[in-house]
């Protein structure tokens, strides 16, 4: 079974994603605080990470070709 790590600060969105992913047969784990992502990633060892790109206090390095 694939495990998906959901990184989302909005609790409603995170829980909605988790419920739907679990209905589709995936195992889903939610993290709402970006400061705990790496800790959770190491502990859970997910197959993939779904991350909110609008998280507060996160600086993203976006290639200029995407701007």
C-alpha atoms as a PDB file:
ATOM      1  CA  UNK A   1       0.000   0.000   0.000  1.00  0.00           C
ATOM      2  CA  UNK A   2       1.229   3.496  -0.821  1.00  0.00           C
ATOM      3  CA  UNK A   3       1.604   5.990   2.010  1.00  0.00           C
ATOM      4  CA  UNK A   4       0.988   9.667   1.272  1.00  0.00           C
ATOM      5  CA  UNK A   5       2.220  12.501   3.472  1.00  0.00           C
ATOM      6  CA  UNK A   6      -0.097  15.531   3.289  1.00  0.00           C
ATOM      7  CA  UNK A   7       1.497  18.844   4.277  1.00  0.00           C
ATOM      8  CA  UNK A   8      -1.336  21.340   4.628  1.00  0.00           C
ATOM      9  CA  UNK A   9      -1.897  24.064   7.228  1.00  0.00           C
ATOM     10  CA  UNK A  10      -5.673  24.229   6.658  1.00  0.00           C
ATOM     11  CA  UNK A  11      -7.167  21.481   8.825  1.00  0.00           C
ATOM     12  CA  UNK A  12     -10.357  21.148   6.736  1.00  0.00           C
ATOM     13  CA  UNK A  13      -8.412  20.682   3.486  1.00  0.00           C
ATOM     14  CA  UNK A  14      -5.979  18.239   5.124  1.00  0.00           C
ATOM     15  CA  UNK A  15      -8.761  16.093   6.595  1.00  0.00           C
ATOM     16  CA  UNK A  16     -10.742  16.148   3.335  1.00  0.00           C
ATOM     17  CA  UNK A  17      -7.715  14.977   1.352  1.00  0.00           C
ATOM     18  CA  UNK A  18      -6.980  12.288   3.944  1.00  0.00           C
ATOM     19  CA  UNK A  19     -10.545  10.941   3.874  1.00  0.00           C
ATOM     20  CA  UNK A  20     -10.644  10.761   0.070  1.00  0.00           C
ATOM     21  CA  UNK A  21      -7.193   9.193  -0.246  1.00  0.00           C
ATOM     22  CA  UNK A  22      -8.103   6.552   2.328  1.00  0.00           C
ATOM     23  CA  UNK A  23     -11.349   5.801   0.439  1.00  0.00           C
ATOM     24  CA  UNK A  24      -9.220   5.174  -2.645  1.00  0.00           C
ATOM     25  CA  UNK A  25      -7.079   2.678  -0.719  1.00  0.00           C
ATOM     26  CA  UNK A  26      -4.084   4.811   0.245  1.00  0.00           C
ATOM     27  CA  UNK A  27      -2.657   5.322   3.699  1.00  0.00           C
ATOM     28  CA  UNK A  28      -2.529   9.057   4.446  1.00  0.00           C
ATOM     29  CA  UNK A  29      -0.727  11.006   7.154  1.00  0.00           C
ATOM     30  CA  UNK A  30      -1.232  14.746   7.750  1.00  0.00           C
ATOM     31  CA  UNK A  31       1.233  17.353   8.972  1.00  0.00           C
ATOM     32  CA  UNK A  32       0.039  20.916   9.494  1.00  0.00           C
ATOM     33  CA  UNK A  33       3.248  22.534  10.709  1.00  0.00           C
ATOM     34  CA  UNK A  34       6.071  22.838   8.183  1.00  0.00           C
ATOM     35  CA  UNK A  35       8.616  22.636  11.023  1.00  0.00           C
ATOM     36  CA  UNK A  36       7.643  18.987  11.602  1.00  0.00           C
ATOM     37  CA  UNK A  37       7.686  17.821   7.971  1.00  0.00           C
ATOM     38  CA  UNK A  38      11.176  16.290   7.971  1.00  0.00           C
ATOM     39  CA  UNK A  39      10.588  14.571  11.318  1.00  0.00           C
ATOM     40  CA  UNK A  40       7.354  13.050  10.013  1.00  0.00           C
ATOM     41  CA  UNK A  41       8.943  12.184   6.655  1.00  0.00           C
ATOM     42  CA  UNK A  42      11.703  10.182   8.357  1.00  0.00           C
ATOM     43  CA  UNK A  43       9.250   8.484  10.734  1.00  0.00           C
ATOM     44  CA  UNK A  44       6.533   7.636   8.175  1.00  0.00           C
ATOM     45  CA  UNK A  45       8.684   7.096   5.048  1.00  0.00           C
ATOM     46  CA  UNK A  46       5.901   8.042   2.600  1.00  0.00           C
ATOM     47  CA  UNK A  47       5.814   7.054  -1.061  1.00  0.00           C
ATOM     48  CA  UNK A  48       4.886  10.612  -2.032  1.00  0.00           C
ATOM     49  CA  UNK A  49       4.355  14.019  -0.423  1.00  0.00           C
ATOM     50  CA  UNK A  50       1.463  16.350  -1.258  1.00  0.00           C
ATOM     51  CA  UNK A  51       2.510  19.807  -0.104  1.00  0.00           C
ATOM     52  CA  UNK A  52       0.637  23.091   0.028  1.00  0.00           C
ATOM     53  CA  UNK A  53       2.855  25.603  -1.788  1.00  0.00           C
ATOM     54  CA  UNK A  54       1.203  28.478   0.074  1.00  0.00           C
ATOM     55  CA  UNK A  55       2.380  27.529   3.560  1.00  0.00           C
ATOM     56  CA  UNK A  56       3.256  30.481   5.786  1.00  0.00           C
ATOM     57  CA  UNK A  57       6.897  30.894   6.847  1.00  0.00           C
ATOM     58  CA  UNK A  58       8.201  28.834   3.924  1.00  0.00           C
ATOM     59  CA  UNK A  59      10.540  30.290   1.335  1.00  0.00           C
ATOM     60  CA  UNK A  60      10.308  28.494  -1.994  1.00  0.00           C
ATOM     61  CA  UNK A  61      13.090  28.503  -4.525  1.00  0.00           C
ATOM     62  CA  UNK A  62      11.230  28.682  -7.828  1.00  0.00           C
ATOM     63  CA  UNK A  63      13.225  28.592 -11.071  1.00  0.00           C
ATOM     64  CA  UNK A  64      12.886  31.875 -12.976  1.00  0.00           C
ATOM     65  CA  UNK A  65      11.535  29.956 -15.972  1.00  0.00           C
ATOM     66  CA  UNK A  66       8.376  29.200 -13.943  1.00  0.00           C
ATOM     67  CA  UNK A  67       7.728  32.797 -12.876  1.00  0.00           C
END
